[in-house]
């Protein structure tokens, strides 16, 4: 049995997938009387006249409802760490190692700025612990610096008093 090419109307031999004249793909032969089996049935309702937006999926093909983890809520994503809090911690470490005065000032200023920034962010920023650690290191360095300055002044005053008493 031959069919006719839909493009050039040339007879196409039975079983050929393409027209020998123009190369157009020919439709597959239709068998009469046998039922059509749909391997992947359409996911739209055939009774709809217009496509809905978003497409309505029949209940048989709908995905199961999403299950929530125990507790009934999703775990919140980890907030990003405040850069100012990291600077405060680095300043506090530098105050105790290489740059005592500059590191102390950076740790104190950046630590207070970071805590204010984190409070205003409403949970979107993290790093409060880093800012507190920087503040502790900065204030400890400040206390030691003040005690050291007082000791130097006291020793200098006692030295002057001792020198004037001995003459």
Protein backbone atom coordinates (compact mmCIF):
# COMPACT_ATOMS: atom_id res chain seq x y z
CA UNK A 1 0.00 0.00 0.00
CA UNK A 2 1.43 3.37 -0.98
CA UNK A 3 0.66 6.75 0.51
CA UNK A 4 0.91 10.20 -0.95
CA UNK A 5 3.48 12.80 0.19
CA UNK A 6 1.65 15.72 1.84
CA UNK A 7 4.05 18.26 0.28
CA UNK A 8 4.76 17.20 -3.31
CA UNK A 9 1.95 14.63 -3.79
CA UNK A 10 4.42 11.97 -5.00
CA UNK A 11 3.54 8.35 -4.18
CA UNK A 12 5.55 7.10 -1.18
CA UNK A 13 6.17 3.33 -0.76
CA UNK A 14 4.61 1.67 2.28
CA UNK A 15 6.78 1.83 5.41
CA UNK A 16 8.97 4.72 4.14
CA UNK A 17 9.47 7.45 6.72
CA UNK A 18 10.52 10.11 4.16
CA UNK A 19 9.36 11.09 0.67
CA UNK A 20 11.92 9.91 -1.96
CA UNK A 21 11.26 13.06 -4.03
CA UNK A 22 11.35 15.98 -1.55
CA UNK A 23 12.54 14.37 1.71
CA UNK A 24 9.52 15.42 3.77
CA UNK A 25 8.71 13.19 6.73
CA UNK A 26 5.61 11.17 5.98
CA UNK A 27 2.94 10.54 8.60
CA UNK A 28 3.01 7.06 10.14
CA UNK A 29 0.40 4.67 8.74
CA UNK A 30 -2.92 4.66 10.63
CA UNK A 31 -4.34 1.29 11.44
CA UNK A 32 -8.09 1.14 11.35
CA UNK A 33 -9.97 -0.35 14.26
CA UNK A 34 -7.10 -0.76 16.72
CA UNK A 35 -7.21 1.38 19.89
CA UNK A 36 -4.61 4.08 20.40
CA UNK A 37 -2.58 3.63 23.56
CA UNK A 38 -1.22 6.83 25.04
CA UNK A 39 2.01 6.26 26.90
CA UNK A 40 2.18 9.81 28.25
CA UNK A 41 -1.38 11.18 28.36
CA UNK A 42 -1.73 14.97 28.28
CA UNK A 43 -1.69 16.73 31.62
CA UNK A 44 -4.55 19.07 30.76
CA UNK A 45 -8.25 18.61 31.21
CA UNK A 46 -9.73 17.66 27.77
CA UNK A 47 -13.05 19.27 28.70
CA UNK A 48 -11.47 22.75 28.91
CA UNK A 49 -12.09 24.93 25.87
CA UNK A 50 -9.35 27.46 26.66
CA UNK A 51 -6.01 26.72 28.23
CA UNK A 52 -5.88 27.99 31.80
CA UNK A 53 -2.95 29.92 33.17
CA UNK A 54 -1.29 28.34 35.01
CA UNK A 55 -2.31 25.05 33.40
CA UNK A 56 -4.70 23.02 35.52
CA UNK A 57 -3.33 19.56 36.25
CA UNK A 58 -5.85 16.77 36.86
CA UNK A 59 -5.79 15.44 40.41
CA UNK A 60 -4.47 12.07 39.20
CA UNK A 61 -1.24 13.74 38.00
CA UNK A 62 -0.84 16.33 40.75
CA UNK A 63 2.25 15.93 42.95
CA UNK A 64 1.65 14.88 46.55
CA UNK A 65 1.42 17.74 49.06
CA UNK A 66 4.80 18.81 50.37
CA UNK A 67 5.60 17.42 53.79
CA UNK A 68 7.04 19.80 56.38
CA UNK A 69 9.88 18.69 58.63
CA UNK A 70 9.11 17.89 62.28
CA UNK A 71 8.08 21.04 64.07
CA UNK A 72 6.00 22.31 61.15
CA UNK A 73 8.43 24.88 59.76
CA UNK A 74 11.48 25.07 57.57
CA UNK A 75 14.81 25.83 59.16
CA UNK A 76 15.80 29.42 58.39
CA UNK A 77 18.77 29.97 56.16
CA UNK A 78 22.02 30.99 57.81
CA UNK A 79 22.32 34.81 57.87
CA UNK A 80 25.40 36.37 56.34
CA UNK A 81 28.12 37.52 58.70
CA UNK A 82 28.63 41.25 59.16
CA UNK A 83 31.91 42.42 57.65
CA UNK A 84 32.21 45.08 60.34
CA UNK A 85 32.08 42.37 63.03
CA UNK A 86 34.96 40.55 61.33
CA UNK A 87 36.94 43.82 61.20
CA UNK A 88 36.29 44.30 64.93
CA UNK A 89 37.64 40.86 65.77
CA UNK A 90 40.72 41.36 63.57
CA UNK A 91 41.32 44.76 65.23
CA UNK A 92 41.07 43.13 68.67
CA UNK A 93 43.61 40.47 67.70
CA UNK A 94 45.95 43.11 66.27
CA UNK A 95 45.62 45.10 69.51
CA UNK A 96 47.14 42.20 71.42
CA UNK A 97 49.84 41.30 68.89
CA UNK A 98 51.24 43.95 66.56
CA UNK A 99 49.39 47.29 66.81
CA UNK A 100 48.24 47.88 70.38
CA UNK A 101 46.76 51.38 70.08
CA UNK A 102 45.50 51.30 66.48
CA UNK A 103 44.08 47.79 66.86
CA UNK A 104 42.32 48.79 70.07
CA UNK A 105 40.64 51.82 68.44
CA UNK A 106 39.60 49.77 65.38
CA UNK A 107 38.22 46.97 67.56
CA UNK A 108 36.15 49.33 69.71
CA UNK A 109 34.72 51.47 66.90
CA UNK A 110 34.04 48.57 64.52
CA UNK A 111 32.57 46.45 67.33
CA UNK A 112 29.98 49.06 68.28
CA UNK A 113 29.18 49.76 64.63
CA UNK A 114 28.73 46.03 63.95
CA UNK A 115 26.41 45.50 66.92
CA UNK A 116 24.21 48.41 65.79
CA UNK A 117 24.22 47.16 62.20
CA UNK A 118 23.25 43.62 63.27
CA UNK A 119 20.45 44.92 65.52
CA UNK A 120 19.00 47.06 62.70
CA UNK A 121 19.15 44.17 60.18
CA UNK A 122 16.44 42.23 62.02
CA UNK A 123 17.98 38.78 61.79
CA UNK A 124 19.37 39.14 58.25
CA UNK A 125 22.95 39.64 59.51
CA UNK A 126 24.96 37.47 61.86
CA UNK A 127 28.27 37.89 63.61
CA UNK A 128 27.18 39.39 66.92
CA UNK A 129 29.57 37.03 68.72
CA UNK A 130 32.48 38.21 66.58
CA UNK A 131 31.65 41.83 67.37
CA UNK A 132 31.45 41.07 71.10
CA UNK A 133 34.79 39.25 70.98
CA UNK A 134 36.37 42.26 69.23
CA UNK A 135 34.87 44.59 71.86
CA UNK A 136 36.17 42.44 74.74
CA UNK A 137 39.68 42.36 73.26
CA UNK A 138 39.57 46.13 72.60
CA UNK A 139 38.28 47.06 76.06
CA UNK A 140 40.77 44.71 77.77
CA UNK A 141 43.58 46.40 75.82
CA UNK A 142 42.16 49.80 76.83
CA UNK A 143 42.14 48.83 80.53
CA UNK A 144 45.72 47.57 80.34
CA UNK A 145 46.80 50.74 78.49
CA UNK A 146 45.15 52.99 81.10
CA UNK A 147 46.68 50.99 83.99
CA UNK A 148 50.08 51.14 82.27
CA UNK A 149 49.84 54.92 81.81
CA UNK A 150 48.80 55.38 85.46
CA UNK A 151 51.70 53.20 86.58
CA UNK A 152 54.17 55.21 84.50
CA UNK A 153 52.83 58.48 85.91
CA UNK A 154 52.92 57.10 89.49
CA UNK A 155 56.46 55.80 89.12
CA UNK A 156 57.56 59.11 87.59
CA UNK A 157 55.91 61.06 90.42
CA UNK A 158 57.49 58.87 93.09
CA UNK A 159 60.86 59.22 91.43
CA UNK A 160 60.55 63.01 91.44
CA UNK A 161 59.43 63.01 95.09
CA UNK A 162 62.29 60.73 96.06
CA UNK A 163 64.81 62.90 94.22
CA UNK A 164 63.54 66.11 95.84
CA UNK A 165 63.42 64.54 99.32
CA UNK A 166 67.02 63.37 99.05
CA UNK A 167 68.44 66.84 98.36
